[in-house]
PDB file of N, CA and C in Angstrom:
ATOM      1  N   MET A   1     -17.737  21.814 -33.756  1.00  0.00           N
ATOM      2  CA  MET A   1     -17.878  20.398 -33.487  1.00  0.00           C
ATOM      3  C   MET A   1     -19.239  20.164 -32.826  1.00  0.00           C
ATOM      4  N   THR A   2     -19.928  19.172 -33.318  1.00  0.00           N
ATOM      5  CA  THR A   2     -21.227  18.828 -32.759  1.00  0.00           C
ATOM      6  C   THR A   2     -21.062  17.667 -31.781  1.00  0.00           C
ATOM      7  N   TRP A   3     -22.133  17.425 -31.024  1.00  0.00           N
ATOM      8  CA  TRP A   3     -22.096  16.300 -30.100  1.00  0.00           C
ATOM      9  C   TRP A   3     -21.998  14.979 -30.856  1.00  0.00           C
ATOM     10  N   LYS A   4     -22.642  14.922 -32.009  1.00  0.00           N
ATOM     11  CA  LYS A   4     -22.578  13.703 -32.814  1.00  0.00           C
ATOM     12  C   LYS A   4     -21.139  13.432 -33.248  1.00  0.00           C
ATOM     13  N   GLY A   5     -20.444  14.476 -33.671  1.00  0.00           N
ATOM     14  CA  GLY A   5     -19.045  14.318 -34.051  1.00  0.00           C
ATOM     15  C   GLY A   5     -18.174  13.900 -32.883  1.00  0.00           C
ATOM     16  N   PHE A   6     -18.476  14.435 -31.697  1.00  0.00           N
ATOM     17  CA  PHE A   6     -17.726  14.076 -30.490  1.00  0.00           C
ATOM     18  C   PHE A   6     -17.860  12.582 -30.195  1.00  0.00           C
ATOM     19  N   TRP A   7     -19.090  12.078 -30.193  1.00  0.00           N
ATOM     20  CA  TRP A   7     -19.312  10.667 -29.885  1.00  0.00           C
ATOM     21  C   TRP A   7     -18.797   9.758 -30.992  1.00  0.00           C
ATOM     22  N   GLU A   8     -18.869  10.196 -32.241  1.00  0.00           N
ATOM     23  CA  GLU A   8     -18.300   9.408 -33.331  1.00  0.00           C
ATOM     24  C   GLU A   8     -16.782   9.359 -33.238  1.00  0.00           C
ATOM     25  N   GLY A   9     -16.172  10.430 -32.747  1.00  0.00           N
ATOM     26  CA  GLY A   9     -14.721  10.428 -32.530  1.00  0.00           C
ATOM     27  C   GLY A   9     -14.311   9.440 -31.458  1.00  0.00           C
ATOM     28  N   ILE A  10     -15.087   9.383 -30.369  1.00  0.00           N
ATOM     29  CA  ILE A  10     -14.799   8.416 -29.307  1.00  0.00           C
ATOM     30  C   ILE A  10     -14.983   6.988 -29.837  1.00  0.00           C
ATOM     31  N   ALA A  11     -16.048   6.757 -30.615  1.00  0.00           N
ATOM     32  CA  ALA A  11     -16.277   5.429 -31.192  1.00  0.00           C
ATOM     33  C   ALA A  11     -15.127   5.044 -32.117  1.00  0.00           C
ATOM     34  N   SER A  12     -14.667   5.990 -32.908  1.00  0.00           N
ATOM     35  CA  SER A  12     -13.558   5.723 -33.823  1.00  0.00           C
ATOM     36  C   SER A  12     -12.281   5.390 -33.052  1.00  0.00           C
ATOM     37  N   LEU A  13     -12.025   6.113 -31.969  1.00  0.00           N
ATOM     38  CA  LEU A  13     -10.848   5.844 -31.142  1.00  0.00           C
ATOM     39  C   LEU A  13     -10.867   4.410 -30.630  1.00  0.00           C
ATOM     40  N   PHE A  14     -12.004   4.005 -30.089  1.00  0.00           N
ATOM     41  CA  PHE A  14     -12.084   2.651 -29.546  1.00  0.00           C
ATOM     42  C   PHE A  14     -12.009   1.594 -30.630  1.00  0.00           C
ATOM     43  N   GLU A  15     -12.734   1.778 -31.724  1.00  0.00           N
ATOM     44  CA  GLU A  15     -12.777   0.753 -32.764  1.00  0.00           C
ATOM     45  C   GLU A  15     -11.476   0.641 -33.544  1.00  0.00           C
ATOM     46  N   ASN A  16     -10.798   1.750 -33.789  1.00  0.00           N
ATOM     47  CA  ASN A  16      -9.624   1.730 -34.657  1.00  0.00           C
ATOM     48  C   ASN A  16      -8.296   1.712 -33.919  1.00  0.00           C
ATOM     49  N   VAL A  17      -8.278   2.057 -32.636  1.00  0.00           N
ATOM     50  CA  VAL A  17      -7.012   2.138 -31.918  1.00  0.00           C
ATOM     51  C   VAL A  17      -6.977   1.221 -30.698  1.00  0.00           C
ATOM     52  N   LEU A  18      -7.926   1.399 -29.790  1.00  0.00           N
ATOM     53  CA  LEU A  18      -7.846   0.708 -28.507  1.00  0.00           C
ATOM     54  C   LEU A  18      -8.213  -0.768 -28.570  1.00  0.00           C
ATOM     55  N   PHE A  19      -8.946  -1.182 -29.606  1.00  0.00           N
ATOM     56  CA  PHE A  19      -9.315  -2.591 -29.721  1.00  0.00           C
ATOM     57  C   PHE A  19      -8.351  -3.375 -30.599  1.00  0.00           C
ATOM     58  N   ILE A  20      -7.223  -2.812 -30.970  1.00  0.00           N
ATOM     59  CA  ILE A  20      -6.251  -3.520 -31.810  1.00  0.00           C
ATOM     60  C   ILE A  20      -5.771  -4.817 -31.143  1.00  0.00           C
ATOM     61  N   PRO A  21      -5.446  -4.820 -29.842  1.00  0.00           N
ATOM     62  CA  PRO A  21      -5.031  -6.101 -29.232  1.00  0.00           C
ATOM     63  C   PRO A  21      -6.133  -7.153 -29.256  1.00  0.00           C
ATOM     64  N   TYR A  22      -7.375  -6.740 -29.034  1.00  0.00           N
ATOM     65  CA  TYR A  22      -8.474  -7.697 -29.062  1.00  0.00           C
ATOM     66  C   TYR A  22      -8.696  -8.243 -30.469  1.00  0.00           C
ATOM     67  N   ASN A  23      -8.592  -7.389 -31.459  1.00  0.00           N
ATOM     68  CA  ASN A  23      -8.749  -7.849 -32.840  1.00  0.00           C
ATOM     69  C   ASN A  23      -7.643  -8.831 -33.223  1.00  0.00           C
ATOM     70  N   ALA A  24      -6.415  -8.572 -32.751  1.00  0.00           N
ATOM     71  CA  ALA A  24      -5.313  -9.487 -33.036  1.00  0.00           C
ATOM     72  C   ALA A  24      -5.543 -10.842 -32.369  1.00  0.00           C
ATOM     73  N   LEU A  25      -6.055 -10.826 -31.138  1.00  0.00           N
ATOM     74  CA  LEU A  25      -6.339 -12.093 -30.452  1.00  0.00           C
ATOM     75  C   LEU A  25      -7.492 -12.842 -31.109  1.00  0.00           C
ATOM     76  N   ALA A  26      -8.444 -12.110 -31.671  1.00  0.00           N
ATOM     77  CA  ALA A  26      -9.586 -12.758 -32.315  1.00  0.00           C
ATOM     78  C   ALA A  26      -9.172 -13.475 -33.589  1.00  0.00           C
ATOM     79  N   LYS A  27      -8.138 -13.000 -34.262  1.00  0.00           N
ATOM     80  CA  LYS A  27      -7.689 -13.614 -35.511  1.00  0.00           C
ATOM     81  C   LYS A  27      -6.830 -14.851 -35.284  1.00  0.00           C
ATOM     82  N   VAL A  28      -6.303 -15.000 -34.073  1.00  0.00           N
ATOM     83  CA  VAL A  28      -5.443 -16.141 -33.752  1.00  0.00           C
ATOM     84  C   VAL A  28      -6.303 -17.231 -33.121  1.00  0.00           C
ATOM     85  N   GLU A  29      -6.159 -18.437 -33.609  1.00  0.00           N
ATOM     86  CA  GLU A  29      -6.899 -19.559 -33.036  1.00  0.00           C
ATOM     87  C   GLU A  29      -6.135 -20.070 -31.823  1.00  0.00           C
ATOM     88  N   LEU A  30      -6.721 -19.882 -30.647  1.00  0.00           N
ATOM     89  CA  LEU A  30      -6.076 -20.298 -29.413  1.00  0.00           C
ATOM     90  C   LEU A  30      -6.780 -21.535 -28.871  1.00  0.00           C
ATOM     91  N   ASP A  31      -6.001 -22.573 -28.577  1.00  0.00           N
ATOM     92  CA  ASP A  31      -6.572 -23.816 -28.060  1.00  0.00           C
ATOM     93  C   ASP A  31      -6.771 -23.769 -26.549  1.00  0.00           C
ATOM     94  N   SER A  32      -5.999 -22.947 -25.880  1.00  0.00           N
ATOM     95  CA  SER A  32      -6.060 -22.878 -24.425  1.00  0.00           C
ATOM     96  C   SER A  32      -7.040 -21.803 -23.973  1.00  0.00           C
ATOM     97  N   TRP A  33      -7.935 -22.174 -23.080  1.00  0.00           N
ATOM     98  CA  TRP A  33      -8.892 -21.212 -22.535  1.00  0.00           C
ATOM     99  C   TRP A  33      -8.161 -20.137 -21.734  1.00  0.00           C
ATOM    100  N   TRP A  34      -7.133 -20.533 -21.004  1.00  0.00           N
ATOM    101  CA  TRP A  34      -6.383 -19.590 -20.181  1.00  0.00           C
ATOM    102  C   TRP A  34      -5.686 -18.542 -21.044  1.00  0.00           C
ATOM    103  N   LEU A  35      -5.090 -18.972 -22.128  1.00  0.00           N
ATOM    104  CA  LEU A  35      -4.395 -18.057 -23.021  1.00  0.00           C
ATOM    105  C   LEU A  35      -5.377 -17.144 -23.750  1.00  0.00           C
ATOM    106  N   ALA A  36      -6.548 -17.660 -24.074  1.00  0.00           N
ATOM    107  CA  ALA A  36      -7.549 -16.852 -24.770  1.00  0.00           C
ATOM    108  C   ALA A  36      -8.078 -15.730 -23.888  1.00  0.00           C
ATOM    109  N   ASN A  37      -8.027 -15.908 -22.592  1.00  0.00           N
ATOM    110  CA  ASN A  37      -8.546 -14.909 -21.661  1.00  0.00           C
ATOM    111  C   ASN A  37      -7.434 -14.167 -20.927  1.00  0.00           C
ATOM    112  N   ILE A  38      -6.280 -14.021 -21.556  1.00  0.00           N
ATOM    113  CA  ILE A  38      -5.126 -13.404 -20.907  1.00  0.00           C
ATOM    114  C   ILE A  38      -5.386 -11.947 -20.525  1.00  0.00           C
ATOM    115  N   VAL A  39      -6.137 -11.215 -21.337  1.00  0.00           N
ATOM    116  CA  VAL A  39      -6.432  -9.811 -21.015  1.00  0.00           C
ATOM    117  C   VAL A  39      -7.316  -9.747 -19.777  1.00  0.00           C
ATOM    118  N   SER A  40      -8.293 -10.610 -19.699  1.00  0.00           N
ATOM    119  CA  SER A  40      -9.186 -10.636 -18.541  1.00  0.00           C
ATOM    120  C   SER A  40      -8.417 -10.989 -17.270  1.00  0.00           C
ATOM    121  N   TRP A  41      -7.526 -11.969 -17.377  1.00  0.00           N
ATOM    122  CA  TRP A  41      -6.741 -12.357 -16.203  1.00  0.00           C
ATOM    123  C   TRP A  41      -5.790 -11.235 -15.778  1.00  0.00           C
ATOM    124  N   THR A  42      -5.236 -10.523 -16.743  1.00  0.00           N
ATOM    125  CA  THR A  42      -4.344  -9.410 -16.420  1.00  0.00           C
ATOM    126  C   THR A  42      -5.107  -8.304 -15.693  1.00  0.00           C
ATOM    127  N   LEU A  43      -6.289  -7.969 -16.175  1.00  0.00           N
ATOM    128  CA  LEU A  43      -7.093  -6.941 -15.518  1.00  0.00           C
ATOM    129  C   LEU A  43      -7.553  -7.387 -14.135  1.00  0.00           C
ATOM    130  N   LEU A  44      -7.908  -8.650 -13.999  1.00  0.00           N
ATOM    131  CA  LEU A  44      -8.320  -9.174 -12.703  1.00  0.00           C
ATOM    132  C   LEU A  44      -7.175  -9.136 -11.701  1.00  0.00           C
ATOM    133  N   LEU A  45      -5.994  -9.516 -12.127  1.00  0.00           N
ATOM    134  CA  LEU A  45      -4.820  -9.483 -11.250  1.00  0.00           C
ATOM    135  C   LEU A  45      -4.461  -8.055 -10.859  1.00  0.00           C
ATOM    136  N   THR A  46      -4.505  -7.137 -11.809  1.00  0.00           N
ATOM    137  CA  THR A  46      -4.227  -5.735 -11.519  1.00  0.00           C
ATOM    138  C   THR A  46      -5.235  -5.173 -10.515  1.00  0.00           C
ATOM    139  N   GLY A  47      -6.495  -5.496 -10.695  1.00  0.00           N
ATOM    140  CA  GLY A  47      -7.530  -5.042  -9.767  1.00  0.00           C
ATOM    141  C   GLY A  47      -7.345  -5.611  -8.369  1.00  0.00           C
ATOM    142  N   ALA A  48      -6.960  -6.876  -8.275  1.00  0.00           N
ATOM    143  CA  ALA A  48      -6.737  -7.500  -6.969  1.00  0.00           C
ATOM    144  C   ALA A  48      -5.552  -6.858  -6.252  1.00  0.00           C
ATOM    145  N   ILE A  49      -4.499  -6.564  -6.984  1.00  0.00           N
ATOM    146  CA  ILE A  49      -3.333  -5.911  -6.379  1.00  0.00           C
ATOM    147  C   ILE A  49      -3.691  -4.509  -5.913  1.00  0.00           C
ATOM    148  N   ALA A  50      -4.424  -3.765  -6.733  1.00  0.00           N
ATOM    149  CA  ALA A  50      -4.829  -2.409  -6.353  1.00  0.00           C
ATOM    150  C   ALA A  50      -5.755  -2.433  -5.141  1.00  0.00           C
ATOM    151  N   PHE A  51      -6.674  -3.397  -5.076  1.00  0.00           N
ATOM    152  CA  PHE A  51      -7.585  -3.511  -3.945  1.00  0.00           C
ATOM    153  C   PHE A  51      -6.825  -3.825  -2.663  1.00  0.00           C
ATOM    154  N   THR A  52      -5.853  -4.730  -2.742  1.00  0.00           N
ATOM    155  CA  THR A  52      -5.044  -5.073  -1.575  1.00  0.00           C
ATOM    156  C   THR A  52      -4.250  -3.870  -1.091  1.00  0.00           C
ATOM    157  N   TYR A  53      -3.645  -3.139  -2.008  1.00  0.00           N
ATOM    158  CA  TYR A  53      -2.893  -1.934  -1.645  1.00  0.00           C
ATOM    159  C   TYR A  53      -3.810  -0.913  -0.976  1.00  0.00           C
ATOM    160  N   TRP A  54      -4.997  -0.735  -1.519  1.00  0.00           N
ATOM    161  CA  TRP A  54      -5.959   0.210  -0.975  1.00  0.00           C
ATOM    162  C   TRP A  54      -6.371  -0.192   0.443  1.00  0.00           C
ATOM    163  N   MET A  55      -6.625  -1.473   0.675  1.00  0.00           N
ATOM    164  CA  MET A  55      -7.027  -1.932   2.002  1.00  0.00           C
ATOM    165  C   MET A  55      -5.901  -1.753   3.021  1.00  0.00           C
ATOM    166  N   ILE A  56      -4.661  -1.977   2.616  1.00  0.00           N
ATOM    167  CA  ILE A  56      -3.531  -1.786   3.524  1.00  0.00           C
ATOM    168  C   ILE A  56      -3.397  -0.315   3.895  1.00  0.00           C
ATOM    169  N   LYS A  57      -3.522   0.582   2.915  1.00  0.00           N
ATOM    170  CA  LYS A  57      -3.451   2.015   3.201  1.00  0.00           C
ATOM    171  C   LYS A  57      -4.616   2.460   4.072  1.00  0.00           C
ATOM    172  N   LEU A  58      -5.811   1.926   3.830  1.00  0.00           N
ATOM    173  CA  LEU A  58      -6.977   2.276   4.632  1.00  0.00           C
ATOM    174  C   LEU A  58      -6.798   1.817   6.075  1.00  0.00           C
ATOM    175  N   LYS A  59      -6.239   0.631   6.263  1.00  0.00           N
ATOM    176  CA  LYS A  59      -5.985   0.114   7.610  1.00  0.00           C
ATOM    177  C   LYS A  59      -4.978   0.996   8.336  1.00  0.00           C
ATOM    178  N   SER A  60      -3.905   1.392   7.658  1.00  0.00           N
ATOM    179  CA  SER A  60      -2.913   2.245   8.309  1.00  0.00           C
ATOM    180  C   SER A  60      -3.497   3.629   8.619  1.00  0.00           C
ATOM    181  N   PHE A  61      -4.395   4.120   7.785  1.00  0.00           N
ATOM    182  CA  PHE A  61      -5.043   5.403   8.044  1.00  0.00           C
ATOM    183  C   PHE A  61      -5.957   5.302   9.259  1.00  0.00           C
ATOM    184  N   ASN A  62      -6.712   4.213   9.367  1.00  0.00           N
ATOM    185  CA  ASN A  62      -7.622   4.039  10.495  1.00  0.00           C
ATOM    186  C   ASN A  62      -6.871   3.828  11.805  1.00  0.00           C
ATOM    187  N   GLU A  63      -5.700   3.212  11.750  1.00  0.00           N
ATOM    188  CA  GLU A  63      -4.918   2.974  12.959  1.00  0.00           C
ATOM    189  C   GLU A  63      -4.102   4.189  13.374  1.00  0.00           C
ATOM    190  N   SER A  64      -3.993   5.165  12.518  1.00  0.00           N
ATOM    191  CA  SER A  64      -3.212   6.354  12.808  1.00  0.00           C
ATOM    192  C   SER A  64      -3.894   7.169  13.905  1.00  0.00           C
ATOM    193  N   THR A  65      -3.091   7.665  14.844  1.00  0.00           N
ATOM    194  CA  THR A  65      -3.641   8.487  15.927  1.00  0.00           C
ATOM    195  C   THR A  65      -3.501   9.965  15.617  1.00  0.00           C
ATOM    196  N   GLU A  66      -2.927  10.286  14.494  1.00  0.00           N
ATOM    197  CA  GLU A  66      -2.744  11.675  14.102  1.00  0.00           C
ATOM    198  C   GLU A  66      -4.094  12.299  13.762  1.00  0.00           C
ATOM    199  N   SER A  67      -4.302  13.529  14.217  1.00  0.00           N
ATOM    200  CA  SER A  67      -5.544  14.221  13.950  1.00  0.00           C
ATOM    201  C   SER A  67      -5.638  14.597  12.478  1.00  0.00           C
ATOM    202  N   THR A  68      -6.799  14.399  11.908  1.00  0.00           N
ATOM    203  CA  THR A  68      -6.995  14.729  10.497  1.00  0.00           C
ATOM    204  C   THR A  68      -7.882  15.955  10.318  1.00  0.00           C
ATOM    205  N   TYR A  69      -8.232  16.617  11.406  1.00  0.00           N
ATOM    206  CA  TYR A  69      -9.092  17.793  11.311  1.00  0.00           C
ATOM    207  C   TYR A  69      -8.276  19.036  11.013  1.00  0.00           C
ATOM    208  N   THR A  70      -8.910  20.003  10.360  1.00  0.00           N
ATOM    209  CA  THR A  70      -8.196  21.228  10.007  1.00  0.00           C
ATOM    210  C   THR A  70      -8.403  22.323  11.031  1.00  0.00           C
ATOM    211  N   TYR A  71      -9.223  22.073  12.021  1.00  0.00           N
ATOM    212  CA  TYR A  71      -9.454  23.076  13.060  1.00  0.00           C
ATOM    213  C   TYR A  71      -8.889  22.572  14.375  1.00  0.00           C
ATOM    214  N   ASN A  72      -8.751  23.455  15.317  1.00  0.00           N
ATOM    215  CA  ASN A  72      -8.197  23.105  16.619  1.00  0.00           C
ATOM    216  C   ASN A  72      -9.263  22.380  17.418  1.00  0.00           C
ATOM    217  N   GLU A  73      -8.995  21.160  17.822  1.00  0.00           N
ATOM    218  CA  GLU A  73      -9.982  20.364  18.561  1.00  0.00           C
ATOM    219  C   GLU A  73     -10.104  20.810  20.011  1.00  0.00           C
ATOM    220  N   ASN A  74      -9.053  21.360  20.586  1.00  0.00           N
ATOM    221  CA  ASN A  74      -9.060  21.811  21.976  1.00  0.00           C
ATOM    222  C   ASN A  74      -8.790  23.314  22.038  1.00  0.00           C
ATOM    223  N   PRO A  75      -9.827  24.122  21.864  1.00  0.00           N
ATOM    224  CA  PRO A  75      -9.578  25.576  21.872  1.00  0.00           C
ATOM    225  C   PRO A  75      -9.204  26.114  23.240  1.00  0.00           C
TER     226      PRO A  75
END
């Protein structure tokens, strides 16, 4: 397998498999702007939820008094 074949395989995967939902949406005439951008809104909502979860976990980690070092701090 060559590098050219590798990159052509990735291109084929995206064009023939992963873009099927986008191609289906492109063929349908949607009058609503909100409905036309449903994939974008779904990704935005997922990202916002993940960011909120991450910030909550980071806050609990920073407030934790448990030592995170692997060595003995008081020899």
